[in-house]
Amino acid sequence: MDKVTAYIEKKAEWKTELEKLRSTVLSCNLEETIKWGSPVYMSNGKNILGLSAFKNYVGLWFFQGGTLKDTHKVLMNAQEGKTQAMRQWRFATLEEINEDLIKAYIKEAVENQEKGNIIKPKKNTKPLVIHPLLQKELDTNAAFLEKFESFSLSKRREYAEHISSAKREATQKSRLEKIIPMVLSGVGLHDKYKNC
């Protein structure tokens, strides 16, 4: 049994709907795989859409759904204000699954991907705010300054926020003492979690 079939078997209450959605998507000549624990369909190595089942509905997730015209107003942003590109199409019954309409949306999604019509994630424009304790260390410790400056803006921001987020001065000082050897050895604050 392949992994997608196994995924569908686990979602027994939605098996018929998932099988219909799967066959519709596969008829569009997309590559099928499992990513993030759910079926994902790709074209030329690029994610086009995903298939998922929840308690009250099954859904298609268009990774670049924000670029689709959505003339039938079937797509929704599951996390308004957070999600930029991804859009979801929900189905609560088998009868709601319109194969021809789904194929039209998939065709447009593939064409948009091929043309490079995609929504790129917005860069974090949050400024780097250096806490006075950290600034004092940077001003007095040349080796620390050199290593700190070699980090990406996001890593420097992580360290600065780590110190600033402590309410008590004693905690701020303790955190500074702990990060000095990390910075000097070129390690980011959260690096140990990123390579799992």
N, C-alpha and C. Protein backbone atom coordinates (compact mmCIF):
# COMPACT_ATOMS: atom_id res chain seq x y z
N MET A 1 0.84 -1.18 0.00
CA MET A 1 0.00 0.00 0.00
C MET A 1 0.89 1.24 0.00
N ASP A 2 0.64 2.16 -0.95
CA ASP A 2 1.44 3.37 -0.99
C ASP A 2 1.02 4.32 0.13
N LYS A 3 1.83 5.35 0.38
CA LYS A 3 1.61 6.24 1.52
C LYS A 3 0.33 7.06 1.40
N VAL A 4 -0.03 7.46 0.19
CA VAL A 4 -1.25 8.25 0.02
C VAL A 4 -2.48 7.39 0.28
N THR A 5 -2.45 6.17 -0.21
CA THR A 5 -3.56 5.24 0.07
C THR A 5 -3.66 5.01 1.57
N ALA A 6 -2.53 4.86 2.24
CA ALA A 6 -2.52 4.67 3.69
C ALA A 6 -3.11 5.89 4.39
N TYR A 7 -2.78 7.09 3.90
CA TYR A 7 -3.34 8.32 4.47
C TYR A 7 -4.86 8.31 4.35
N ILE A 8 -5.36 7.95 3.16
CA ILE A 8 -6.80 7.92 2.92
C ILE A 8 -7.48 6.87 3.80
N GLU A 9 -6.85 5.71 3.95
CA GLU A 9 -7.42 4.64 4.78
C GLU A 9 -7.57 5.10 6.24
N LYS A 10 -6.64 5.92 6.72
CA LYS A 10 -6.71 6.41 8.09
C LYS A 10 -7.85 7.40 8.29
N LYS A 11 -8.27 8.03 7.20
CA LYS A 11 -9.35 9.03 7.26
C LYS A 11 -10.64 8.38 6.76
N ALA A 12 -11.01 7.26 7.37
CA ALA A 12 -12.12 6.41 6.89
C ALA A 12 -13.42 7.17 6.68
N GLU A 13 -13.72 8.14 7.54
CA GLU A 13 -14.98 8.88 7.42
C GLU A 13 -15.05 9.75 6.16
N TRP A 14 -13.90 10.02 5.57
CA TRP A 14 -13.82 10.85 4.36
C TRP A 14 -13.25 10.08 3.17
N LYS A 15 -13.19 8.77 3.26
CA LYS A 15 -12.51 7.96 2.24
C LYS A 15 -13.05 8.22 0.83
N THR A 16 -14.36 8.21 0.65
CA THR A 16 -14.95 8.39 -0.69
C THR A 16 -14.59 9.76 -1.26
N GLU A 17 -14.71 10.80 -0.45
CA GLU A 17 -14.39 12.16 -0.90
C GLU A 17 -12.91 12.30 -1.24
N LEU A 18 -12.05 11.75 -0.38
CA LEU A 18 -10.61 11.83 -0.63
C LEU A 18 -10.22 11.08 -1.90
N GLU A 19 -10.81 9.91 -2.11
CA GLU A 19 -10.50 9.15 -3.32
C GLU A 19 -10.95 9.90 -4.58
N LYS A 20 -12.09 10.56 -4.52
CA LYS A 20 -12.56 11.33 -5.67
C LYS A 20 -11.65 12.52 -5.93
N LEU A 21 -11.26 13.23 -4.87
CA LEU A 21 -10.34 14.36 -5.03
C LEU A 21 -9.00 13.88 -5.58
N ARG A 22 -8.50 12.78 -5.05
CA ARG A 22 -7.22 12.24 -5.50
C ARG A 22 -7.26 11.89 -6.97
N SER A 23 -8.31 11.19 -7.41
CA SER A 23 -8.37 10.79 -8.83
C SER A 23 -8.51 12.03 -9.72
N THR A 24 -9.22 13.04 -9.25
CA THR A 24 -9.35 14.29 -10.02
C THR A 24 -8.00 14.97 -10.17
N VAL A 25 -7.27 15.06 -9.08
CA VAL A 25 -5.96 15.72 -9.10
C VAL A 25 -4.98 14.92 -9.97
N LEU A 26 -4.97 13.60 -9.82
CA LEU A 26 -4.04 12.78 -10.60
C LEU A 26 -4.34 12.83 -12.09
N SER A 27 -5.59 13.11 -12.46
CA SER A 27 -5.93 13.22 -13.89
C SER A 27 -5.29 14.46 -14.53
N CYS A 28 -4.72 15.33 -13.71
CA CYS A 28 -4.07 16.55 -14.21
C CYS A 28 -2.56 16.36 -14.38
N ASN A 29 -2.11 15.11 -14.33
CA ASN A 29 -0.69 14.76 -14.55
C ASN A 29 0.27 15.41 -13.56
N LEU A 30 -0.12 15.44 -12.29
CA LEU A 30 0.77 15.97 -11.27
C LEU A 30 1.48 14.82 -10.57
N GLU A 31 2.66 15.12 -10.03
CA GLU A 31 3.43 14.13 -9.28
C GLU A 31 2.87 14.06 -7.86
N GLU A 32 2.69 12.86 -7.35
CA GLU A 32 2.10 12.68 -6.02
C GLU A 32 3.17 12.26 -5.02
N THR A 33 3.13 12.87 -3.83
CA THR A 33 4.05 12.52 -2.76
C THR A 33 3.38 12.81 -1.42
N ILE A 34 4.09 12.54 -0.35
CA ILE A 34 3.62 12.90 0.99
C ILE A 34 4.61 13.92 1.56
N LYS A 35 4.09 15.05 2.01
CA LYS A 35 4.90 16.06 2.69
C LYS A 35 4.10 16.56 3.87
N TRP A 36 4.77 16.80 4.97
CA TRP A 36 4.11 17.30 6.17
C TRP A 36 2.95 16.38 6.60
N GLY A 37 3.07 15.09 6.29
CA GLY A 37 2.09 14.10 6.72
C GLY A 37 0.84 14.01 5.86
N SER A 38 0.78 14.76 4.75
CA SER A 38 -0.40 14.76 3.88
C SER A 38 0.01 14.63 2.42
N PRO A 39 -0.92 14.20 1.55
CA PRO A 39 -0.62 14.13 0.13
C PRO A 39 -0.36 15.52 -0.46
N VAL A 40 0.69 15.62 -1.27
CA VAL A 40 1.03 16.86 -1.95
C VAL A 40 1.24 16.53 -3.41
N TYR A 41 0.81 17.44 -4.29
CA TYR A 41 0.88 17.24 -5.73
C TYR A 41 1.74 18.35 -6.33
N MET A 42 2.70 17.92 -7.18
CA MET A 42 3.70 18.83 -7.71
C MET A 42 3.74 18.80 -9.23
N SER A 43 4.28 19.89 -9.78
CA SER A 43 4.55 19.97 -11.21
C SER A 43 5.96 20.49 -11.36
N ASN A 44 6.81 19.75 -12.06
CA ASN A 44 8.21 20.12 -12.25
C ASN A 44 8.91 20.42 -10.92
N GLY A 45 8.60 19.61 -9.91
CA GLY A 45 9.25 19.74 -8.61
C GLY A 45 8.71 20.86 -7.74
N LYS A 46 7.71 21.58 -8.20
CA LYS A 46 7.12 22.69 -7.43
C LYS A 46 5.79 22.26 -6.84
N ASN A 47 5.57 22.56 -5.56
CA ASN A 47 4.31 22.24 -4.90
C ASN A 47 3.17 23.03 -5.53
N ILE A 48 2.13 22.32 -5.96
CA ILE A 48 0.95 22.98 -6.52
C ILE A 48 -0.20 22.97 -5.52
N LEU A 49 -0.52 21.78 -5.00
CA LEU A 49 -1.60 21.69 -4.02
C LEU A 49 -1.43 20.49 -3.11
N GLY A 50 -2.14 20.54 -2.01
CA GLY A 50 -2.15 19.44 -1.06
C GLY A 50 -3.58 19.00 -0.81
N LEU A 51 -3.71 17.79 -0.28
CA LEU A 51 -5.00 17.18 0.00
C LEU A 51 -5.04 16.89 1.50
N SER A 52 -6.15 17.23 2.15
CA SER A 52 -6.20 16.99 3.59
C SER A 52 -7.62 16.72 4.06
N ALA A 53 -7.71 16.08 5.21
CA ALA A 53 -9.01 15.79 5.81
C ALA A 53 -9.01 16.23 7.25
N PHE A 54 -10.11 16.84 7.65
CA PHE A 54 -10.27 17.31 9.01
C PHE A 54 -11.57 16.75 9.57
N LYS A 55 -11.94 17.19 10.74
CA LYS A 55 -13.12 16.64 11.39
C LYS A 55 -14.40 16.93 10.59
N ASN A 56 -14.56 18.16 10.10
CA ASN A 56 -15.81 18.57 9.45
C ASN A 56 -15.74 18.73 7.93
N TYR A 57 -14.58 18.52 7.33
CA TYR A 57 -14.46 18.72 5.88
C TYR A 57 -13.17 18.09 5.37
N VAL A 58 -13.13 17.94 4.03
CA VAL A 58 -11.88 17.61 3.34
C VAL A 58 -11.51 18.85 2.53
N GLY A 59 -10.26 18.97 2.18
CA GLY A 59 -9.87 20.19 1.48
C GLY A 59 -8.70 20.02 0.55
N LEU A 60 -8.62 20.95 -0.37
CA LEU A 60 -7.47 21.11 -1.25
C LEU A 60 -6.78 22.40 -0.82
N TRP A 61 -5.46 22.32 -0.68
CA TRP A 61 -4.67 23.50 -0.33
C TRP A 61 -3.85 23.89 -1.55
N PHE A 62 -4.11 25.05 -2.11
CA PHE A 62 -3.31 25.55 -3.23
C PHE A 62 -2.18 26.39 -2.64
N PHE A 63 -0.94 25.93 -2.84
CA PHE A 63 0.20 26.61 -2.26
C PHE A 63 0.34 28.04 -2.74
N GLN A 64 -0.05 28.30 -3.99
CA GLN A 64 -0.03 29.66 -4.53
C GLN A 64 -1.46 30.09 -4.91
N GLY A 65 -2.40 29.72 -4.07
CA GLY A 65 -3.81 30.02 -4.32
C GLY A 65 -4.12 31.50 -4.40
N GLY A 66 -3.30 32.32 -3.77
CA GLY A 66 -3.49 33.77 -3.83
C GLY A 66 -3.30 34.33 -5.22
N THR A 67 -2.69 33.56 -6.11
CA THR A 67 -2.49 34.03 -7.50
C THR A 67 -3.65 33.62 -8.41
N LEU A 68 -4.54 32.77 -7.91
CA LEU A 68 -5.65 32.29 -8.73
C LEU A 68 -6.76 33.34 -8.82
N LYS A 69 -7.44 33.38 -9.96
CA LYS A 69 -8.53 34.36 -10.16
C LYS A 69 -9.69 34.08 -9.22
N ASP A 70 -9.95 32.82 -8.92
CA ASP A 70 -11.04 32.39 -8.03
C ASP A 70 -12.38 33.01 -8.44
N THR A 71 -12.72 32.86 -9.71
CA THR A 71 -13.96 33.43 -10.24
C THR A 71 -15.21 32.84 -9.59
N HIS A 72 -15.11 31.64 -9.04
CA HIS A 72 -16.26 31.00 -8.39
C HIS A 72 -16.27 31.20 -6.87
N LYS A 73 -15.31 31.98 -6.36
CA LYS A 73 -15.23 32.33 -4.93
C LYS A 73 -15.31 31.10 -4.02
N VAL A 74 -14.48 30.10 -4.34
CA VAL A 74 -14.45 28.86 -3.55
C VAL A 74 -13.25 28.79 -2.61
N LEU A 75 -12.27 29.66 -2.82
CA LEU A 75 -11.04 29.60 -2.02
C LEU A 75 -11.13 30.51 -0.81
N MET A 76 -10.49 30.06 0.26
CA MET A 76 -10.46 30.87 1.46
C MET A 76 -9.05 30.90 2.05
N ASN A 77 -8.76 31.99 2.73
CA ASN A 77 -7.50 32.12 3.44
C ASN A 77 -7.76 31.63 4.86
N ALA A 78 -7.17 30.50 5.22
CA ALA A 78 -7.44 29.88 6.51
C ALA A 78 -6.89 30.69 7.69
N GLN A 79 -5.88 31.51 7.44
CA GLN A 79 -5.30 32.34 8.49
C GLN A 79 -5.16 33.76 7.98
N GLU A 80 -6.28 34.46 7.88
CA GLU A 80 -6.30 35.83 7.37
C GLU A 80 -5.29 36.69 8.13
N GLY A 81 -4.50 37.44 7.39
CA GLY A 81 -3.50 38.30 8.00
C GLY A 81 -2.15 37.63 8.19
N LYS A 82 -2.12 36.28 8.16
CA LYS A 82 -0.86 35.55 8.32
C LYS A 82 -0.45 34.89 7.02
N THR A 83 -1.37 34.15 6.41
CA THR A 83 -1.07 33.41 5.20
C THR A 83 -1.14 34.35 4.00
N GLN A 84 -0.07 34.37 3.23
CA GLN A 84 -0.01 35.26 2.08
C GLN A 84 -0.44 34.57 0.79
N ALA A 85 0.10 33.41 0.52
CA ALA A 85 -0.13 32.76 -0.77
C ALA A 85 -1.13 31.61 -0.71
N MET A 86 -1.09 30.81 0.33
CA MET A 86 -1.88 29.59 0.39
C MET A 86 -3.38 29.87 0.54
N ARG A 87 -4.18 29.08 -0.22
CA ARG A 87 -5.63 29.17 -0.12
C ARG A 87 -6.21 27.77 -0.05
N GLN A 88 -7.33 27.66 0.65
CA GLN A 88 -7.96 26.36 0.87
C GLN A 88 -9.33 26.32 0.22
N TRP A 89 -9.68 25.13 -0.29
CA TRP A 89 -11.00 24.88 -0.88
C TRP A 89 -11.59 23.73 -0.07
N ARG A 90 -12.67 23.98 0.63
CA ARG A 90 -13.26 22.99 1.53
C ARG A 90 -14.47 22.31 0.89
N PHE A 91 -14.62 21.02 1.24
CA PHE A 91 -15.76 20.22 0.78
C PHE A 91 -16.33 19.46 1.98
N ALA A 92 -17.62 19.66 2.25
CA ALA A 92 -18.26 18.97 3.37
C ALA A 92 -19.03 17.74 2.93
N THR A 93 -19.29 17.63 1.61
CA THR A 93 -20.02 16.48 1.08
C THR A 93 -19.42 16.07 -0.25
N LEU A 94 -19.70 14.85 -0.66
CA LEU A 94 -19.23 14.34 -1.95
C LEU A 94 -19.82 15.16 -3.10
N GLU A 95 -21.06 15.59 -2.94
CA GLU A 95 -21.75 16.33 -3.99
C GLU A 95 -21.12 17.70 -4.27
N GLU A 96 -20.42 18.25 -3.31
CA GLU A 96 -19.76 19.55 -3.50
C GLU A 96 -18.52 19.47 -4.39
N ILE A 97 -18.02 18.27 -4.63
CA ILE A 97 -16.78 18.10 -5.41
C ILE A 97 -17.10 18.16 -6.90
N ASN A 98 -16.78 19.29 -7.51
CA ASN A 98 -17.02 19.53 -8.93
C ASN A 98 -15.69 19.29 -9.66
N GLU A 99 -15.56 18.12 -10.26
CA GLU A 99 -14.29 17.72 -10.88
C GLU A 99 -13.81 18.68 -11.95
N ASP A 100 -14.72 19.13 -12.82
CA ASP A 100 -14.32 20.03 -13.91
C ASP A 100 -13.80 21.36 -13.36
N LEU A 101 -14.47 21.88 -12.35
CA LEU A 101 -14.03 23.14 -11.76
C LEU A 101 -12.68 22.98 -11.05
N ILE A 102 -12.51 21.89 -10.35
CA ILE A 102 -11.22 21.61 -9.69
C ILE A 102 -10.10 21.54 -10.74
N LYS A 103 -10.36 20.83 -11.83
CA LYS A 103 -9.34 20.72 -12.89
C LYS A 103 -8.99 22.09 -13.47
N ALA A 104 -9.97 22.96 -13.61
CA ALA A 104 -9.71 24.31 -14.13
C ALA A 104 -8.82 25.10 -13.17
N TYR A 105 -9.08 24.98 -11.88
CA TYR A 105 -8.26 25.68 -10.88
C TYR A 105 -6.84 25.10 -10.88
N ILE A 106 -6.73 23.78 -10.99
CA ILE A 106 -5.40 23.16 -11.01
C ILE A 106 -4.63 23.61 -12.25
N LYS A 107 -5.30 23.64 -13.38
CA LYS A 107 -4.64 24.07 -14.63
C LYS A 107 -4.10 25.49 -14.48
N GLU A 108 -4.92 26.38 -13.92
CA GLU A 108 -4.47 27.76 -13.72
C GLU A 108 -3.29 27.81 -12.74
N ALA A 109 -3.36 27.00 -11.68
CA ALA A 109 -2.27 26.98 -10.69
C ALA A 109 -0.96 26.53 -11.32
N VAL A 110 -1.02 25.49 -12.16
CA VAL A 110 0.19 24.99 -12.83
C VAL A 110 0.73 26.05 -13.79
N GLU A 111 -0.16 26.68 -14.56
CA GLU A 111 0.27 27.72 -15.50
C GLU A 111 0.92 28.89 -14.76
N ASN A 112 0.33 29.30 -13.65
CA ASN A 112 0.92 30.40 -12.86
C ASN A 112 2.32 30.03 -12.37
N GLN A 113 2.48 28.78 -11.91
CA GLN A 113 3.78 28.33 -11.43
C GLN A 113 4.80 28.35 -12.56
N GLU A 114 4.40 27.86 -13.73
CA GLU A 114 5.31 27.82 -14.89
C GLU A 114 5.72 29.21 -15.34
N LYS A 115 4.82 30.18 -15.22
CA LYS A 115 5.10 31.57 -15.63
C LYS A 115 5.87 32.33 -14.56
N GLY A 116 6.02 31.71 -13.37
CA GLY A 116 6.69 32.40 -12.27
C GLY A 116 5.77 33.39 -11.56
N ASN A 117 4.47 33.27 -11.80
CA ASN A 117 3.48 34.13 -11.15
C ASN A 117 3.21 33.57 -9.76
N ILE A 118 4.07 33.94 -8.82
CA ILE A 118 3.97 33.42 -7.46
C ILE A 118 4.04 34.58 -6.46
N ILE A 119 3.55 34.31 -5.27
CA ILE A 119 3.64 35.27 -4.17
C ILE A 119 4.83 34.85 -3.32
N LYS A 120 5.81 35.73 -3.23
CA LYS A 120 6.99 35.42 -2.43
C LYS A 120 6.75 35.91 -1.00
N PRO A 121 7.27 35.16 -0.01
CA PRO A 121 7.09 35.58 1.38
C PRO A 121 7.70 36.96 1.62
N LYS A 122 7.01 37.73 2.42
CA LYS A 122 7.51 39.06 2.75
C LYS A 122 8.68 38.92 3.71
N LYS A 123 9.66 39.74 3.50
CA LYS A 123 10.84 39.75 4.38
C LYS A 123 10.44 40.36 5.72
N ASN A 124 11.10 39.90 6.76
CA ASN A 124 10.88 40.46 8.09
C ASN A 124 11.56 41.81 8.13
N THR A 125 10.78 42.86 8.21
CA THR A 125 11.34 44.22 8.21
C THR A 125 11.45 44.79 9.62
N LYS A 126 11.31 43.93 10.59
CA LYS A 126 11.41 44.35 11.98
C LYS A 126 12.83 44.87 12.23
N PRO A 127 12.95 46.04 12.84
CA PRO A 127 14.30 46.60 13.06
C PRO A 127 15.07 45.83 14.13
N LEU A 128 16.37 45.93 14.05
CA LEU A 128 17.25 45.34 15.06
C LEU A 128 17.40 46.35 16.18
N VAL A 129 16.89 46.01 17.35
CA VAL A 129 16.97 46.89 18.52
C VAL A 129 17.93 46.25 19.51
N ILE A 130 19.03 46.93 19.75
CA ILE A 130 20.07 46.41 20.64
C ILE A 130 19.83 46.91 22.06
N HIS A 131 19.71 45.97 22.99
CA HIS A 131 19.55 46.30 24.41
C HIS A 131 20.84 46.94 24.91
N PRO A 132 20.73 47.91 25.83
CA PRO A 132 21.95 48.58 26.34
C PRO A 132 23.02 47.63 26.90
N LEU A 133 22.61 46.56 27.58
CA LEU A 133 23.60 45.61 28.09
C LEU A 133 24.37 44.93 26.95
N LEU A 134 23.63 44.55 25.92
CA LEU A 134 24.26 43.93 24.75
C LEU A 134 25.16 44.94 24.04
N GLN A 135 24.69 46.18 23.93
CA GLN A 135 25.49 47.22 23.27
C GLN A 135 26.80 47.46 24.01
N LYS A 136 26.74 47.44 25.35
CA LYS A 136 27.96 47.64 26.15
C LYS A 136 28.96 46.52 25.85
N GLU A 137 28.47 45.29 25.76
CA GLU A 137 29.37 44.16 25.44
C GLU A 137 29.96 44.31 24.04
N LEU A 138 29.14 44.74 23.11
CA LEU A 138 29.62 44.95 21.73
C LEU A 138 30.69 46.05 21.68
N ASP A 139 30.50 47.08 22.49
CA ASP A 139 31.45 48.21 22.51
C ASP A 139 32.77 47.87 23.17
N THR A 140 32.76 46.89 24.09
CA THR A 140 33.97 46.61 24.87
C THR A 140 34.66 45.29 24.52
N ASN A 141 34.04 44.48 23.69
CA ASN A 141 34.59 43.16 23.38
C ASN A 141 34.69 43.03 21.85
N ALA A 142 35.87 43.31 21.31
CA ALA A 142 36.07 43.34 19.86
C ALA A 142 35.79 41.98 19.20
N ALA A 143 36.20 40.89 19.84
CA ALA A 143 35.97 39.56 19.26
C ALA A 143 34.47 39.26 19.22
N PHE A 144 33.77 39.64 20.27
CA PHE A 144 32.32 39.45 20.33
C PHE A 144 31.63 40.27 19.24
N LEU A 145 32.05 41.52 19.09
CA LEU A 145 31.48 42.40 18.06
C LEU A 145 31.69 41.82 16.67
N GLU A 146 32.90 41.34 16.40
CA GLU A 146 33.21 40.78 15.08
C GLU A 146 32.32 39.58 14.76
N LYS A 147 32.19 38.66 15.71
CA LYS A 147 31.35 37.46 15.49
C LYS A 147 29.88 37.85 15.37
N PHE A 148 29.42 38.74 16.24
CA PHE A 148 28.01 39.17 16.23
C PHE A 148 27.67 39.81 14.87
N GLU A 149 28.55 40.65 14.38
CA GLU A 149 28.33 41.33 13.10
C GLU A 149 28.35 40.36 11.91
N SER A 150 29.00 39.20 12.08
CA SER A 150 29.07 38.23 10.98
C SER A 150 27.77 37.43 10.84
N PHE A 151 26.90 37.48 11.87
CA PHE A 151 25.63 36.77 11.81
C PHE A 151 24.66 37.48 10.86
N SER A 152 23.70 36.72 10.38
CA SER A 152 22.63 37.31 9.57
C SER A 152 21.81 38.23 10.47
N LEU A 153 21.05 39.12 9.84
CA LEU A 153 20.22 40.05 10.60
C LEU A 153 19.24 39.30 11.50
N SER A 154 18.67 38.21 10.99
CA SER A 154 17.69 37.47 11.80
C SER A 154 18.34 36.85 13.03
N LYS A 155 19.58 36.34 12.91
CA LYS A 155 20.26 35.76 14.07
C LYS A 155 20.63 36.84 15.08
N ARG A 156 21.07 38.00 14.59
CA ARG A 156 21.39 39.10 15.51
C ARG A 156 20.11 39.54 16.23
N ARG A 157 19.00 39.60 15.49
CA ARG A 157 17.72 39.99 16.07
C ARG A 157 17.29 38.99 17.15
N GLU A 158 17.49 37.68 16.89
CA GLU A 158 17.14 36.66 17.89
C GLU A 158 17.90 36.88 19.19
N TYR A 159 19.19 37.14 19.09
CA TYR A 159 19.98 37.37 20.29
C TYR A 159 19.54 38.65 21.01
N ALA A 160 19.34 39.72 20.26
CA ALA A 160 18.93 40.99 20.87
C ALA A 160 17.59 40.86 21.57
N GLU A 161 16.64 40.18 20.93
CA GLU A 161 15.31 40.01 21.53
C GLU A 161 15.37 39.08 22.74
N HIS A 162 16.27 38.11 22.71
CA HIS A 162 16.43 37.18 23.83
C HIS A 162 16.78 37.95 25.11
N ILE A 163 17.65 38.92 24.97
CA ILE A 163 18.04 39.72 26.14
C ILE A 163 16.94 40.72 26.49
N SER A 164 16.42 41.41 25.51
CA SER A 164 15.39 42.44 25.75
C SER A 164 14.10 41.87 26.31
N SER A 165 13.79 40.64 26.00
CA SER A 165 12.52 40.06 26.45
C SER A 165 12.50 39.72 27.94
N ALA A 166 13.66 39.68 28.55
CA ALA A 166 13.72 39.43 30.00
C ALA A 166 13.29 40.70 30.74
N LYS A 167 12.42 40.54 31.72
CA LYS A 167 11.90 41.71 32.45
C LYS A 167 12.88 42.21 33.52
N ARG A 168 13.51 41.29 34.19
CA ARG A 168 14.43 41.67 35.27
C ARG A 168 15.85 41.87 34.75
N GLU A 169 16.52 42.85 35.32
CA GLU A 169 17.90 43.13 34.91
C GLU A 169 18.81 41.94 35.19
N ALA A 170 18.56 41.24 36.30
CA ALA A 170 19.38 40.07 36.64
C ALA A 170 19.25 39.00 35.56
N THR A 171 18.06 38.81 35.05
CA THR A 171 17.83 37.83 33.98
C THR A 171 18.50 38.29 32.69
N GLN A 172 18.42 39.57 32.42
CA GLN A 172 19.08 40.11 31.23
C GLN A 172 20.58 39.86 31.28
N LYS A 173 21.19 40.12 32.43
CA LYS A 173 22.63 39.90 32.60
C LYS A 173 22.97 38.42 32.47
N SER A 174 22.14 37.57 33.08
CA SER A 174 22.36 36.12 33.01
C SER A 174 22.30 35.64 31.56
N ARG A 175 21.32 36.13 30.82
CA ARG A 175 21.20 35.74 29.42
C ARG A 175 22.40 36.22 28.60
N LEU A 176 22.86 37.42 28.87
CA LEU A 176 24.02 37.94 28.16
C LEU A 176 25.24 37.06 28.41
N GLU A 177 25.44 36.67 29.68
CA GLU A 177 26.58 35.81 30.02
C GLU A 177 26.50 34.47 29.29
N LYS A 178 25.30 33.94 29.13
CA LYS A 178 25.12 32.65 28.45
C LYS A 178 25.34 32.74 26.95
N ILE A 179 24.99 33.88 26.35
CA ILE A 179 25.12 33.97 24.89
C ILE A 179 26.53 34.33 24.43
N ILE A 180 27.33 34.94 25.29
CA ILE A 180 28.68 35.35 24.86
C ILE A 180 29.46 34.18 24.29
N PRO A 181 29.58 33.02 24.99
CA PRO A 181 30.34 31.92 24.39
C PRO A 181 29.67 31.36 23.12
N MET A 182 28.35 31.43 23.05
CA MET A 182 27.66 30.96 21.85
C MET A 182 28.02 31.82 20.65
N VAL A 183 27.96 33.14 20.84
CA VAL A 183 28.30 34.07 19.75
C VAL A 183 29.75 33.89 19.35
N LEU A 184 30.64 33.80 20.33
CA LEU A 184 32.07 33.66 20.03
C LEU A 184 32.38 32.37 19.26
N SER A 185 31.56 31.34 19.47
CA SER A 185 31.78 30.09 18.73
C SER A 185 30.98 30.05 17.42
N GLY A 186 30.28 31.15 17.11
CA GLY A 186 29.57 31.25 15.83
C GLY A 186 28.25 30.50 15.77
N VAL A 187 27.67 30.23 16.93
CA VAL A 187 26.43 29.48 17.01
C VAL A 187 25.25 30.43 17.16
N GLY A 188 24.20 30.22 16.36
CA GLY A 188 22.98 31.01 16.49
C GLY A 188 22.20 30.55 17.70
N LEU A 189 21.36 31.43 18.23
CA LEU A 189 20.60 31.14 19.45
C LEU A 189 19.74 29.89 19.32
N HIS A 190 19.12 29.68 18.16
CA HIS A 190 18.21 28.56 17.98
C HIS A 190 18.74 27.50 17.01
N ASP A 191 20.03 27.51 16.74
CA ASP A 191 20.60 26.57 15.76
C ASP A 191 20.36 25.10 16.12
N LYS A 192 20.40 24.78 17.40
CA LYS A 192 20.26 23.37 17.78
C LYS A 192 18.88 22.83 17.41
N TYR A 193 17.88 23.70 17.22
CA TYR A 193 16.54 23.25 16.86
C TYR A 193 16.33 23.21 15.35
N LYS A 194 17.19 23.87 14.59
CA LYS A 194 16.98 24.00 13.15
C LYS A 194 17.48 22.81 12.35
N ASN A 195 18.34 21.99 12.90
CA ASN A 195 18.91 20.87 12.15
C ASN A 195 18.41 19.54 12.64
N CYS A 196 17.17 19.50 13.09
CA CYS A 196 16.61 18.25 13.60
C CYS A 196 16.31 17.28 12.47
